[in-house]
Structures are given as C-alpha cells and as structure tokens.
N, C-alpha and C. Protein backbone atom coordinates (compact mmCIF):
# COMPACT_ATOMS: atom_id res chain seq x y z
N MET A 1 82.19 81.74 94.40
CA MET A 1 82.79 82.33 93.38
C MET A 1 83.53 81.83 92.79
N GLU A 2 83.06 82.75 91.67
CA GLU A 2 83.63 82.17 89.90
C GLU A 2 84.96 82.37 90.39
N PRO A 3 85.73 81.94 89.52
CA PRO A 3 87.15 81.24 89.57
C PRO A 3 87.57 82.93 88.97
N MET A 4 86.97 83.82 87.99
CA MET A 4 87.00 84.59 87.22
C MET A 4 87.54 85.33 88.16
N TYR A 5 86.82 85.33 89.22
CA TYR A 5 86.22 87.32 90.18
C TYR A 5 87.17 86.90 91.53
N GLY A 6 88.16 85.19 91.71
CA GLY A 6 88.20 85.12 92.74
C GLY A 6 89.81 85.28 92.54
N LEU A 7 90.41 85.15 91.21
CA LEU A 7 91.58 86.03 90.53
C LEU A 7 92.18 87.74 89.96
N ILE A 8 90.75 87.94 89.63
CA ILE A 8 91.19 88.91 90.06
C ILE A 8 91.18 90.25 91.23
N LEU A 9 90.16 89.31 92.09
CA LEU A 9 90.43 90.12 93.32
C LEU A 9 91.75 89.62 94.14
N ILE A 10 92.05 88.86 93.05
CA ILE A 10 93.78 87.93 94.25
C ILE A 10 94.70 89.68 93.77
N LEU A 11 94.90 89.54 92.07
CA LEU A 11 95.73 90.57 91.92
C LEU A 11 95.19 91.91 92.14
N VAL A 12 94.03 92.33 92.61
CA VAL A 12 93.68 93.60 92.69
C VAL A 12 93.77 93.99 94.33
N TRP A 13 94.38 92.58 94.55
CA TRP A 13 94.46 92.83 96.35
C TRP A 13 96.34 92.49 96.47
N ALA A 14 96.91 91.71 95.60
CA ALA A 14 98.53 92.07 95.39
C ALA A 14 99.26 93.91 95.05
N GLY A 15 98.43 93.95 94.25
CA GLY A 15 97.86 95.09 93.30
C GLY A 15 98.31 96.34 94.76
N VAL A 16 97.26 95.98 95.76
CA VAL A 16 97.20 96.73 97.00
C VAL A 16 98.47 96.51 98.24
N ASN A 17 99.12 95.30 97.67
CA ASN A 17 100.48 95.18 98.55
C ASN A 17 101.27 95.70 98.29
N ALA A 18 101.58 95.78 96.96
CA ALA A 18 102.78 96.20 96.24
C ALA A 18 102.39 97.34 96.79
N LEU A 19 101.70 98.03 96.27
CA LEU A 19 101.51 99.82 96.43
C LEU A 19 101.65 100.12 97.94
N ILE A 20 101.55 99.33 98.88
CA ILE A 20 101.65 99.90 100.66
C ILE A 20 103.24 99.38 100.67
N ALA A 21 104.02 98.77 99.93
CA ALA A 21 105.03 97.80 100.53
C ALA A 21 106.36 99.01 99.30
N SER A 22 105.87 99.59 98.33
CA SER A 22 106.56 100.78 98.06
C SER A 22 106.09 101.60 98.76
N LYS A 23 105.27 102.39 99.36
CA LYS A 23 104.97 103.75 99.69
C LYS A 23 106.14 103.02 101.43
N ARG A 24 105.98 101.67 101.39
CA ARG A 24 106.97 101.97 102.78
C ARG A 24 108.12 102.15 102.36
N ARG A 25 109.14 101.59 101.50
CA ARG A 25 110.02 101.82 101.01
C ARG A 25 110.90 100.36 100.62
N ARG A 26 109.89 99.62 100.52
CA ARG A 26 110.19 98.16 99.92
C ARG A 26 109.97 97.69 98.53
N SER A 27 110.76 96.47 98.09
CA SER A 27 110.33 96.19 97.08
C SER A 27 108.54 95.74 96.38
N GLY A 28 107.90 96.66 95.40
CA GLY A 28 106.27 96.47 95.61
C GLY A 28 106.71 95.39 94.53
N PRO A 29 106.99 94.62 93.16
CA PRO A 29 107.27 93.83 92.68
C PRO A 29 107.18 92.28 94.10
N ALA A 30 108.28 92.63 94.55
CA ALA A 30 109.17 91.02 95.43
C ALA A 30 107.39 90.67 96.25
N PHE A 31 106.68 91.86 96.82
CA PHE A 31 105.59 91.81 97.38
C PHE A 31 103.84 91.11 96.08
N PHE A 32 104.12 91.71 95.16
CA PHE A 32 103.00 91.08 94.50
C PHE A 32 103.82 89.88 93.73
N GLY A 33 104.36 89.49 93.35
CA GLY A 33 105.20 88.14 93.42
C GLY A 33 105.09 87.25 94.29
N TRP A 34 104.94 87.78 95.79
CA TRP A 34 104.60 87.11 97.70
C TRP A 34 103.16 86.26 97.40
N SER A 35 101.88 87.72 96.74
CA SER A 35 100.67 87.82 96.69
C SER A 35 100.63 86.67 95.83
N VAL A 36 100.89 86.23 94.87
CA VAL A 36 100.26 85.85 93.56
C VAL A 36 100.77 84.57 93.09
N LEU A 37 102.08 83.95 93.16
CA LEU A 37 103.41 83.24 92.97
C LEU A 37 102.74 82.09 93.38
N PRO A 38 102.59 81.72 95.41
CA PRO A 38 101.94 80.85 95.61
C PRO A 38 100.21 79.89 95.55
N VAL A 39 99.48 81.69 95.19
CA VAL A 39 98.24 81.33 94.51
C VAL A 39 98.06 79.73 94.29
N ILE A 40 98.59 79.21 93.29
CA ILE A 40 98.20 77.84 92.43
C ILE A 40 98.58 76.71 93.46
N PRO A 41 99.98 76.66 93.93
CA PRO A 41 100.40 75.21 94.60
C PRO A 41 99.53 75.24 96.17
N VAL A 42 99.20 76.33 96.50
CA VAL A 42 98.03 76.60 98.12
C VAL A 42 96.73 76.05 97.57
N ALA A 43 96.45 76.54 96.40
CA ALA A 43 94.98 76.46 96.25
C ALA A 43 94.66 74.66 95.58
N MET A 44 95.59 73.95 95.08
CA MET A 44 95.86 72.38 94.94
C MET A 44 95.99 71.35 96.71
N LEU A 45 97.57 72.29 97.09
CA LEU A 45 97.38 71.76 98.61
C LEU A 45 96.10 71.62 99.41
N ALA A 46 95.38 72.85 98.92
CA ALA A 46 93.92 72.78 99.82
C ALA A 46 92.45 71.63 99.02
N ALA A 47 92.92 71.60 97.78
CA ALA A 47 92.02 70.63 97.56
C ALA A 47 92.35 69.54 97.64
N TYR A 48 93.40 69.26 97.57
CA TYR A 48 93.79 67.74 97.47
C TYR A 48 93.23 67.24 99.43
N LEU A 49 93.99 68.56 100.20
CA LEU A 49 94.15 67.58 101.70
C LEU A 49 92.41 67.66 102.24
N SER A 50 91.94 68.92 101.30
CA SER A 50 90.03 68.42 101.53
C SER A 50 89.21 67.52 100.67
N HIS A 51 90.37 67.33 99.80
CA HIS A 51 89.64 65.95 99.02
C HIS A 51 88.53 66.34 97.21
N GLY A 52 89.10 67.38 97.37
CA GLY A 52 88.53 67.60 96.40
C GLY A 52 87.32 69.57 96.13
N GLU A 53 86.89 69.22 97.22
CA GLU A 53 86.40 70.95 98.01
C GLU A 53 86.69 71.86 97.53
N GLY A 54 85.61 72.42 96.39
CA GLY A 54 86.43 73.40 95.29
C GLY A 54 86.13 74.31 96.62
N ALA A 55 85.59 74.51 97.38
CA ALA A 55 84.87 76.53 98.15
C ALA A 55 86.28 75.84 99.44
N ILE A 56 86.67 75.44 99.80
CA ILE A 56 88.05 75.34 100.67
C ILE A 56 88.76 75.98 99.46
N ALA A 57 89.04 74.89 98.07
CA ALA A 57 90.67 75.18 97.98
C ALA A 57 90.52 77.12 97.31
N GLY A 58 89.53 77.40 96.64
CA GLY A 58 88.95 78.62 96.33
C GLY A 58 89.57 80.15 97.57
N TRP A 59 89.19 79.39 98.86
CA TRP A 59 89.26 80.34 99.53
C TRP A 59 90.87 80.36 100.55
N ALA A 60 91.08 79.19 100.56
CA ALA A 60 92.81 79.08 100.23
C ALA A 60 93.90 79.61 99.63
N ALA A 61 92.96 79.66 98.30
CA ALA A 61 93.96 80.57 97.78
C ALA A 61 94.88 81.99 97.75
N PHE A 62 93.20 82.47 98.90
CA PHE A 62 93.61 84.35 99.30
C PHE A 62 94.77 83.99 100.67
N ILE A 63 95.13 82.82 101.21
CA ILE A 63 96.72 82.78 102.50
C ILE A 63 97.44 83.48 101.64
N PRO A 64 97.75 83.35 100.45
CA PRO A 64 99.75 84.11 100.07
C PRO A 64 99.26 85.97 100.20
N ALA A 65 97.79 85.72 99.35
CA ALA A 65 97.51 87.59 99.14
C ALA A 65 97.69 88.01 100.25
N ALA A 66 96.81 87.62 101.79
CA ALA A 66 96.47 87.95 103.56
C ALA A 66 97.74 88.09 103.75
N GLY A 67 98.86 86.84 103.86
CA GLY A 67 99.87 86.81 104.48
C GLY A 67 100.97 88.13 103.07
N ALA A 68 100.91 88.19 102.51
CA ALA A 68 101.35 89.73 101.94
C ALA A 68 100.86 91.10 102.32
N PHE A 69 100.04 90.86 102.75
CA PHE A 69 99.39 92.30 103.26
C PHE A 69 99.72 92.28 104.59
N ILE A 70 99.80 91.52 105.71
CA ILE A 70 100.19 91.52 106.64
C ILE A 70 101.82 91.70 106.51
N ALA A 71 102.75 91.39 105.74
CA ALA A 71 104.08 91.40 105.93
C ALA A 71 104.41 92.85 105.59
N ALA A 72 103.54 93.58 104.16
CA ALA A 72 104.34 94.28 104.02
C ALA A 72 103.44 95.34 104.88
N ILE A 73 102.26 95.67 105.54
CA ILE A 73 102.03 96.30 107.03
C ILE A 73 103.27 96.19 108.21
N ALA A 74 103.81 94.97 108.62
CA ALA A 74 104.45 95.19 109.22
C ALA A 74 105.83 95.14 109.14
N VAL A 75 106.27 94.99 107.55
CA VAL A 75 107.48 95.47 107.80
C VAL A 75 108.04 97.00 108.16
N PRO A 76 109.11 97.44 108.86
CA PRO A 76 109.12 98.84 108.97
C PRO A 76 109.05 99.61 107.79
N ASN A 77 109.29 101.13 107.77
CA ASN A 77 109.97 101.89 106.45
C ASN A 77 110.72 102.22 106.60
N GLY A 78 111.22 103.23 105.59
CA GLY A 78 112.49 103.36 105.64
C GLY A 78 113.05 103.99 107.20
N GLN A 79 112.58 105.23 107.33
CA GLN A 79 113.36 105.64 108.39
C GLN A 79 112.98 104.89 109.92
N GLU A 80 112.42 103.81 109.96
CA GLU A 80 112.35 103.13 111.24
C GLU A 80 113.13 102.19 111.04
N ALA A 81 113.32 101.70 109.52
CA ALA A 81 114.81 101.09 109.52
C ALA A 81 116.24 102.07 109.91
N ALA A 82 115.92 102.56 109.31
CA ALA A 82 117.48 103.87 109.14
C ALA A 82 117.42 104.12 111.33
N ALA A 83 116.03 104.34 111.94
CA ALA A 83 116.20 104.20 112.99
C ALA A 83 117.02 103.17 113.89
N ARG A 84 116.63 102.31 113.25
CA ARG A 84 117.09 100.44 114.13
C ARG A 84 117.93 100.60 113.58
N THR A 85 118.44 100.35 112.22
CA THR A 85 119.88 100.03 111.78
C THR A 85 121.29 100.75 111.92
N GLY A 86 120.98 102.08 111.37
CA GLY A 86 121.71 103.55 111.93
C GLY A 86 121.77 104.21 110.28
N SER A 87 121.01 103.21 109.35
CA SER A 87 120.72 103.72 108.00
C SER A 87 120.31 102.67 107.07
N PHE A 88 119.50 102.99 106.23
CA PHE A 88 118.79 102.20 105.28
C PHE A 88 118.32 103.39 104.19
N GLY A 89 119.25 103.21 102.60
CA GLY A 89 118.99 103.67 101.75
C GLY A 89 119.38 105.52 102.01
N ALA A 90 118.53 106.06 101.88
CA ALA A 90 119.03 107.31 101.57
C ALA A 90 118.73 107.51 103.05
N TYR A 91 118.29 106.92 104.03
CA TYR A 91 117.54 107.25 105.10
C TYR A 91 119.84 106.90 106.37
N VAL A 92 119.78 108.07 107.52
CA VAL A 92 120.30 108.11 107.93
C VAL A 92 120.43 108.21 109.13
N LYS A 93 120.95 107.50 110.03
CA LYS A 93 120.43 107.97 112.23
C LYS A 93 121.01 109.08 112.12
N CYS A 94 120.54 109.90 112.75
CA CYS A 94 121.05 111.05 113.13
C CYS A 94 122.04 111.07 114.74
N PRO A 95 123.42 111.56 113.97
CA PRO A 95 124.39 110.91 114.78
C PRO A 95 124.60 111.65 116.23
N TYR A 96 123.67 112.31 117.03
CA TYR A 96 123.56 112.87 117.95
C TYR A 96 121.77 111.90 119.09
N CYS A 97 121.39 111.03 117.74
CA CYS A 97 120.40 110.55 118.73
C CYS A 97 120.96 108.74 119.68
N LYS A 98 120.12 109.05 120.27
CA LYS A 98 120.39 107.54 120.54
C LYS A 98 118.93 106.73 120.59
C-alpha cells in the first residue's frame, strides 16, 4: 500500500472513530487524537522490531485506529453511563428505578 493511501485511510478511520464517540456523548476530538497521534511511534517501533520491514510497519500503523474504534464502540453512551453511575451530563437516573 502506498504510504499516502494508508495515511488517508487512517485519517478517515479516525474521523469515523470521532463520529461514533461523539454520537455516544463522548469526546470526539479525544478519540480522533487517540487514533492518529500514536501512529508514528507504533510504526517506528514495528519497523525497529521487524528489522526495517516496511510492510509490517505499515500494517502496524493501523493498530491505534483499531484500538480507538474498539474503545469508541465499547464505552457506554450517556444513558448507559447515567444508569450505572446515577448521572452523566444531562442524563439523570430515574429515582424510582433500581
């Protein structure tokens, strides 16, 4: 894969992660950052550990975006968080519900 195509794919995936997180009442920019900022260190580490193998480093660059995607899906949305903790943002747990 050409590096520029990989970069575009990572940025699009990071945008999807941010969109999912913001729809679930979480910080979209934080999930975008978690998807994009660790890409270079992870790719450099993979290149170092694989003795310069470019393909492994390129595929390893997708690990942060995949991790942020899993986290964006796994975190509870605002209503679920309010049900667990009693309140979250504008959501408040019903006082009659147990």
